[in-house]
Protein backbone atom coordinates (compact mmCIF):
# COMPACT_ATOMS: atom_id res chain seq x y z
CA MET A 1 -26.26 -27.59 47.24
CA ILE A 2 -23.40 -27.39 44.71
CA GLU A 3 -21.79 -23.96 44.58
CA ARG A 4 -21.65 -22.32 41.21
CA PRO A 5 -18.13 -21.69 39.85
CA VAL A 6 -16.93 -18.10 39.93
CA VAL A 7 -15.72 -16.43 36.73
CA ALA A 8 -14.11 -13.05 37.46
CA ILE A 9 -13.71 -10.59 34.57
CA LEU A 10 -10.98 -8.01 35.17
CA ASP A 11 -10.89 -4.73 33.28
CA PHE A 12 -8.57 -1.80 33.83
CA ASP A 13 -10.47 1.21 35.13
CA PRO A 14 -11.26 3.44 33.24
CA GLY A 15 -11.04 0.93 30.38
CA LYS A 16 -14.66 -0.19 30.66
CA HIS A 17 -14.74 -2.35 27.58
CA PHE A 18 -18.38 -3.14 28.26
CA VAL A 19 -21.08 -2.37 30.82
CA ARG A 20 -22.62 -5.80 31.37
CA PRO A 21 -21.19 -9.31 30.89
CA ASP A 22 -24.15 -10.29 28.72
CA VAL A 23 -22.09 -11.99 26.02
CA GLU A 24 -20.18 -13.96 28.64
CA ARG A 25 -23.43 -14.92 30.37
CA ALA A 26 -24.86 -16.25 27.12
CA VAL A 27 -21.82 -18.54 26.67
CA LEU A 28 -21.29 -19.63 30.28
CA GLY A 29 -24.95 -20.03 31.15
CA PRO A 30 -26.69 -19.58 34.50
CA ASP A 31 -24.50 -22.08 36.35
CA ALA A 32 -21.55 -19.68 36.57
CA GLN A 33 -21.29 -16.70 38.90
CA LEU A 34 -19.95 -13.74 36.91
CA ARG A 35 -18.09 -10.87 38.58
CA LEU A 36 -17.14 -7.83 36.52
CA ILE A 37 -14.35 -6.04 38.41
CA ARG A 38 -12.70 -2.79 37.37
CA HIS A 39 -9.76 -1.15 39.09
CA ARG A 40 -6.40 0.51 38.45
CA ASP A 41 -4.50 -1.34 41.16
CA PRO A 42 -3.97 -5.12 40.76
CA SER A 43 -3.64 -5.62 44.51
CA ALA A 44 -7.01 -3.99 45.16
CA VAL A 45 -8.92 -6.66 43.25
CA VAL A 46 -7.54 -9.62 45.23
CA PRO A 47 -10.58 -9.87 47.56
CA GLY A 48 -12.82 -10.17 44.50
CA ILE A 49 -10.78 -12.82 42.72
CA VAL A 50 -9.16 -14.85 45.49
CA ASP A 51 -11.89 -17.50 45.25
CA ALA A 52 -12.35 -17.30 41.47
CA ASP A 53 -12.32 -20.55 39.51
CA ILE A 54 -11.57 -18.72 36.25
CA ILE A 55 -10.25 -15.23 35.53
CA ILE A 56 -10.80 -13.42 32.24
CA VAL A 57 -8.34 -10.53 32.14
CA TRP A 58 -8.44 -7.66 29.66
CA SER A 59 -5.23 -6.40 28.14
CA ARG A 60 -4.33 -3.33 30.22
CA PHE A 61 -4.84 -5.03 33.58
CA GLU A 62 -1.75 -6.77 34.96
CA LEU A 63 -1.78 -9.99 36.93
CA THR A 64 1.45 -9.84 38.89
CA ALA A 65 3.28 -12.55 40.82
CA ALA A 66 2.04 -11.04 44.08
CA THR A 67 -1.58 -11.24 42.92
CA LEU A 68 -1.27 -14.73 41.44
CA SER A 69 0.24 -16.09 44.67
CA ARG A 70 -2.97 -15.16 46.52
CA LEU A 71 -5.33 -17.14 44.30
CA GLU A 72 -6.95 -20.20 45.82
CA GLY A 73 -8.00 -22.95 43.46
CA CYS A 74 -7.95 -20.92 40.25
CA ARG A 75 -8.41 -23.35 37.34
CA GLY A 76 -7.45 -21.09 34.48
CA ILE A 77 -6.71 -17.56 33.26
CA VAL A 78 -7.98 -16.33 29.91
CA CYS A 79 -6.24 -13.30 28.40
CA ALA A 80 -8.91 -11.44 26.43
CA SER A 81 -6.28 -10.33 23.94
CA VAL A 82 -3.66 -11.57 21.52
CA GLY A 83 -0.85 -10.37 23.80
CA TYR A 84 -0.23 -11.95 27.18
CA ASP A 85 2.72 -10.00 28.59
CA HIS A 86 0.37 -8.49 31.20
CA VAL A 87 0.22 -11.86 33.00
CA ASP A 88 3.27 -13.21 34.81
CA LEU A 89 3.46 -16.63 33.14
CA GLU A 90 6.29 -17.83 35.35
CA ALA A 91 4.31 -17.05 38.49
CA ALA A 92 1.21 -18.66 37.01
CA GLY A 93 3.28 -21.77 36.32
CA ARG A 94 4.50 -21.89 39.91
CA ALA A 95 0.90 -21.63 41.06
CA GLY A 96 -0.16 -24.39 38.66
CA ILE A 97 -2.60 -22.12 36.83
CA PRO A 98 -2.94 -22.64 33.05
CA VAL A 99 -3.11 -19.49 30.92
CA CYS A 100 -4.49 -19.05 27.40
CA HIS A 101 -5.07 -16.17 25.01
CA VAL A 102 -7.22 -15.33 21.97
CA PRO A 103 -4.74 -15.03 19.09
CA ASP A 104 -7.07 -14.82 16.09
CA TYR A 105 -10.00 -12.57 16.95
CA GLY A 106 -8.87 -9.40 15.12
CA THR A 107 -6.60 -10.68 12.38
CA GLU A 108 -8.49 -9.05 9.53
CA GLU A 109 -8.99 -5.78 11.37
CA VAL A 110 -5.32 -5.28 12.32
CA ALA A 111 -4.13 -6.16 8.82
CA ASP A 112 -6.69 -3.78 7.30
CA HIS A 113 -5.67 -1.05 9.73
CA ALA A 114 -1.95 -1.48 9.06
CA LEU A 115 -2.63 -1.27 5.35
CA ALA A 116 -4.79 1.84 5.82
CA LEU A 117 -2.05 3.58 7.85
CA MET A 118 0.55 2.63 5.26
CA LEU A 119 -1.48 3.89 2.30
CA SER A 120 -2.43 7.09 4.12
CA VAL A 121 1.18 7.94 4.96
CA LEU A 122 2.54 6.99 1.54
CA ARG A 123 -0.13 8.97 -0.29
CA GLY A 124 0.31 12.00 1.99
CA LEU A 125 -3.32 12.05 3.12
CA PRO A 126 -2.71 13.77 6.48
CA ARG A 127 -0.77 16.61 4.82
CA LEU A 128 -3.32 16.99 2.04
CA HIS A 129 -6.23 16.98 4.46
CA SER A 130 -4.62 19.64 6.67
CA ALA A 131 -3.90 21.82 3.65
CA VAL A 132 -7.48 21.63 2.36
CA VAL A 133 -9.14 22.43 5.69
CA SER A 134 -6.76 25.36 6.13
CA GLY A 135 -8.07 26.86 2.89
CA ARG A 136 -5.59 25.58 0.33
CA TRP A 137 -6.47 23.55 -2.77
CA ASP A 138 -3.19 22.51 -4.31
CA TRP A 139 -2.05 18.98 -5.18
CA ARG A 140 1.54 20.08 -4.61
CA ASP A 141 0.92 20.14 -0.85
CA GLY A 142 1.28 16.37 -0.94
CA ALA A 143 4.55 16.33 -2.87
CA PRO A 144 6.70 14.40 -3.20
CA LEU A 145 4.72 11.18 -3.43
CA ARG A 146 6.06 7.85 -4.62
CA ARG A 147 4.34 5.28 -6.79
CA LEU A 148 3.26 2.33 -4.66
CA ARG A 149 3.91 -0.41 -7.19
CA GLY A 150 7.42 -1.71 -6.77
CA LEU A 151 8.04 -0.28 -3.31
CA ARG A 152 9.71 -2.75 -0.96
CA LEU A 153 7.54 -3.68 2.03
CA GLY A 154 9.31 -5.36 4.94
CA LEU A 155 7.28 -7.29 7.51
CA VAL A 156 8.72 -8.04 10.93
CA GLY A 157 6.74 -11.11 11.92
CA LEU A 158 4.79 -13.33 9.54
CA GLY A 159 2.17 -14.83 11.80
CA ARG A 160 -1.56 -14.54 11.23
CA ILE A 161 -1.58 -10.76 10.91
CA GLY A 162 1.70 -10.43 9.06
CA THR A 163 0.51 -12.97 6.49
CA ALA A 164 -2.83 -11.19 6.10
CA MET A 165 -0.95 -7.91 5.58
CA ALA A 166 1.27 -9.51 2.92
CA LEU A 167 -1.72 -10.82 0.99
CA ARG A 168 -3.39 -7.41 1.04
CA ALA A 169 -0.27 -5.48 0.08
CA ARG A 170 0.43 -7.81 -2.85
CA ALA A 171 -2.66 -6.43 -4.63
CA PHE A 172 -0.97 -3.00 -4.69
CA GLY A 173 2.18 -4.35 -6.28
CA PHE A 174 4.55 -4.15 -3.32
CA ASP A 175 7.72 -6.22 -3.38
CA ILE A 176 7.28 -8.03 -0.06
CA GLY A 177 9.92 -9.45 2.25
CA PHE A 178 9.82 -10.62 5.84
CA TYR A 179 11.93 -11.50 8.87
CA ASP A 180 10.62 -14.15 11.24
CA PRO A 181 13.13 -16.60 12.75
CA ASN A 182 10.32 -18.67 14.28
CA LEU A 183 8.90 -19.90 10.98
CA PRO A 184 9.97 -23.16 9.34
CA VAL A 185 11.96 -23.19 6.13
CA GLY A 186 9.74 -23.12 3.06
CA VAL A 187 7.05 -20.69 4.21
CA GLU A 188 8.53 -18.09 1.87
CA LYS A 189 8.12 -20.48 -1.08
CA ALA A 190 4.51 -21.26 -0.22
CA LEU A 191 3.64 -17.55 -0.11
CA ALA A 192 6.09 -16.38 -2.81
CA LEU A 193 7.72 -13.84 -0.48
CA ARG A 194 11.35 -12.87 0.06
CA ARG A 195 12.75 -14.20 3.33
CA PHE A 196 15.53 -12.42 5.22
CA GLU A 197 17.67 -14.29 7.69
CA THR A 198 18.48 -11.15 9.72
CA LEU A 199 16.52 -8.11 10.78
CA ARG A 200 19.30 -5.87 9.52
CA GLY A 201 19.04 -7.44 6.08
CA LEU A 202 15.30 -6.78 5.94
CA LEU A 203 15.69 -3.19 7.16
CA SER A 204 18.28 -2.36 4.53
CA GLU A 205 15.85 -3.33 1.77
CA SER A 206 12.56 -1.93 3.11
CA ASP A 207 11.02 1.28 1.83
CA VAL A 208 8.18 0.56 4.25
CA LEU A 209 8.54 -1.41 7.49
CA SER A 210 5.44 -2.85 9.15
CA LEU A 211 5.72 -4.47 12.59
CA HIS A 212 3.76 -7.61 13.46
CA ALA A 213 5.79 -9.11 16.30
CA PRO A 214 4.87 -9.74 19.95
CA SER A 215 6.49 -7.95 22.87
CA THR A 216 9.19 -10.23 24.28
CA PRO A 217 12.62 -9.65 25.86
CA ARG A 218 14.06 -10.34 22.43
CA THR A 219 11.89 -7.88 20.50
CA ARG A 220 11.54 -4.94 22.90
CA GLY A 221 13.44 -1.96 21.54
CA MET A 222 14.43 -3.83 18.39
CA ILE A 223 13.66 -0.78 16.24
CA ASP A 224 16.27 1.55 17.75
CA ALA A 225 18.58 4.21 16.34
CA ARG A 226 20.91 1.63 14.82
CA ALA A 227 18.04 -0.23 13.17
CA LEU A 228 16.50 2.94 11.77
CA SER A 229 19.86 4.08 10.39
CA THR A 230 19.96 0.86 8.36
CA MET A 231 16.78 1.70 6.45
CA PRO A 232 16.86 3.51 3.10
CA ALA A 233 16.45 7.28 3.24
CA GLY A 234 12.81 8.29 2.84
CA ALA A 235 11.39 5.13 4.43
CA VAL A 236 8.11 4.78 6.35
CA LEU A 237 7.41 2.89 9.62
CA ILE A 238 4.05 1.33 10.53
CA ASN A 239 3.40 -0.13 13.99
CA THR A 240 0.14 -1.85 14.88
CA ALA A 241 1.84 -4.49 17.08
CA ARG A 242 3.33 -3.35 20.40
CA GLY A 243 4.62 0.09 21.32
CA ASP A 244 7.75 -1.12 23.06
CA LEU A 245 9.14 -2.63 19.86
CA VAL A 246 10.19 0.90 18.89
CA ASP A 247 12.54 3.32 20.64
CA ALA A 248 10.43 6.50 20.60
CA ASP A 249 13.40 8.88 20.91
CA ALA A 250 15.18 7.17 18.03
CA LEU A 251 12.01 7.42 15.93
CA VAL A 252 11.72 11.16 16.57
CA ALA A 253 15.37 11.65 15.63
CA ALA A 254 14.92 9.66 12.40
CA LEU A 255 11.83 11.68 11.45
CA ASP A 256 13.54 15.00 12.24
CA ALA A 257 16.57 14.02 10.18
CA GLY A 258 14.40 13.03 7.23
CA ARG A 259 15.63 9.45 7.21
CA LEU A 260 12.02 8.48 7.76
CA VAL A 261 9.45 10.55 5.86
CA GLY A 262 6.55 9.30 7.92
CA ALA A 263 5.17 6.90 10.49
CA GLY A 264 1.75 5.39 11.13
CA LEU A 265 1.37 4.43 14.79
CA ASP A 266 -1.47 2.67 16.57
CA VAL A 267 0.62 1.81 19.64
CA VAL A 268 3.38 3.42 21.68
CA THR A 269 5.15 2.73 24.97
CA GLY A 270 3.31 4.37 27.89
CA GLU A 271 0.05 4.85 26.03
CA PRO A 272 -2.28 6.66 26.40
CA ILE A 273 0.36 9.16 27.59
CA LEU A 274 2.41 9.98 24.49
CA PRO A 275 5.94 11.36 24.17
CA GLU A 276 5.33 15.03 23.37
CA ALA A 277 7.85 15.24 20.53
CA LEU A 278 6.25 12.24 18.87
CA ARG A 279 2.63 13.16 19.63
CA ASP A 280 2.90 16.51 17.87
CA HIS A 281 5.20 15.45 15.06
CA PRO A 282 3.81 16.53 11.66
CA ARG A 283 5.03 13.32 10.00
CA VAL A 284 3.21 10.95 12.37
CA LEU A 285 -0.30 9.63 11.77
CA TRP A 286 -1.88 8.39 15.02
CA THR A 287 -4.71 6.06 15.94
CA PRO A 288 -5.52 5.15 19.59
CA HIS A 289 -4.71 1.42 19.78
CA ALA A 290 -7.77 0.85 17.62
CA ALA A 291 -6.40 -1.52 14.98
CA TRP A 292 -7.99 -4.57 16.62
CA TYR A 293 -11.49 -3.12 16.76
CA SER A 294 -14.62 -3.69 14.77
CA ALA A 295 -18.02 -4.60 16.12
CA ALA A 296 -17.50 -8.13 14.83
CA SER A 297 -13.99 -8.56 16.26
CA PHE A 298 -15.10 -7.24 19.65
CA SER A 299 -17.92 -9.76 19.72
CA ASP A 300 -15.51 -12.52 18.64
CA LEU A 301 -13.09 -11.62 21.43
CA ARG A 302 -15.69 -11.72 24.17
CA THR A 303 -17.30 -14.91 22.87
CA ARG A 304 -14.03 -16.81 22.44
CA SER A 305 -12.75 -15.70 25.83
CA ALA A 306 -15.91 -17.05 27.43
CA LEU A 307 -15.67 -20.30 25.45
CA TYR A 308 -12.11 -20.85 26.71
CA ALA A 309 -13.28 -20.11 30.25
CA ARG A 310 -16.00 -22.72 29.81
CA ALA A 311 -13.44 -25.24 28.54
CA PHE A 312 -11.20 -24.65 31.58
CA LEU A 313 -14.19 -25.16 33.88
CA ALA A 314 -15.02 -28.44 32.16
CA GLY A 315 -11.42 -29.64 32.30
CA ARG A 316 -11.17 -29.79 28.51
CA PRO A 317 -7.98 -29.00 26.56
CA VAL A 318 -7.64 -25.39 25.38
CA SER A 319 -5.87 -25.09 22.05
CA THR A 320 -4.43 -21.63 22.78
CA ARG A 321 -2.95 -22.57 26.15
CA LEU A 322 0.43 -20.93 26.64
CA ALA A 323 3.62 -22.65 27.67
CA HIS A 324 4.93 -21.46 31.01
CA PRO A 325 8.61 -20.47 30.99
CA GLY A 326 10.58 -23.68 31.33
CA GLY A 327 7.58 -25.78 30.40
CA ARG A 328 5.12 -26.32 27.61
CA ALA A 329 1.43 -26.10 26.90
CA ASP A 330 -0.29 -29.48 26.74
């Protein structure tokens, strides 16, 4: 009798993204054994995944070098997320385990969410809402507000989401620029955007800054006190990318000093525990790492993760396979 391959699905407890792996079962079929495992401690799940052929790992659960070294015969790891910094790629490479991610499942949702945060902050909606529910009815509670048309929008990162954000913002008349050293020359001409060769150059000409970059050693902490001091007075920061791109203390200081008049944040370092000074700041509009979500995007994420798992099991190439440090995806 041929043993059925094991597909382990790891979710951070109490994340509980779903109750039953019904979507995954529909894609993988009856020939795969599915194990849905939830825990806070990566080491505690080793007995349940040591014999797994494929692991689907959700974004808040880390696969460390110590855990990866214990796997026996794992044929692939699927990150059920755009980001993949929660998996030690170098250790996976040493173990000969290919890793892929799902980079396109929530492109529309994150771009829509970033735009919604930006418009809400620029139009003073949180202040106006608070004033009305407290019994006031005065348009001056939102003042001063700036006209959107002609404001300079700076995008850090012009990948799928950054591009979708640019296309949406153009309809409102923003003057759009971007910084992305990874893109080939000429992208700016194809999209009719202003390209900046340095982050500092972009910051100095951005009334609104929207972040769409991954978390890497190069980008972590890139928006620090020095960066924020480069921006024009009265600017706005939007972050729907990764919390650790921004120095939270520097952001609080910039808001308190009035250099920034507002921020729209969907992510922050250490979430869901928030820095108190930032959590309660009257100029910050919060959402709980929800930019990626819609019913459709959630279904896309689960389905595509399972499809990549099926491809790994069949030995087929996976287009979103990640290059291990010092190597490349093939």
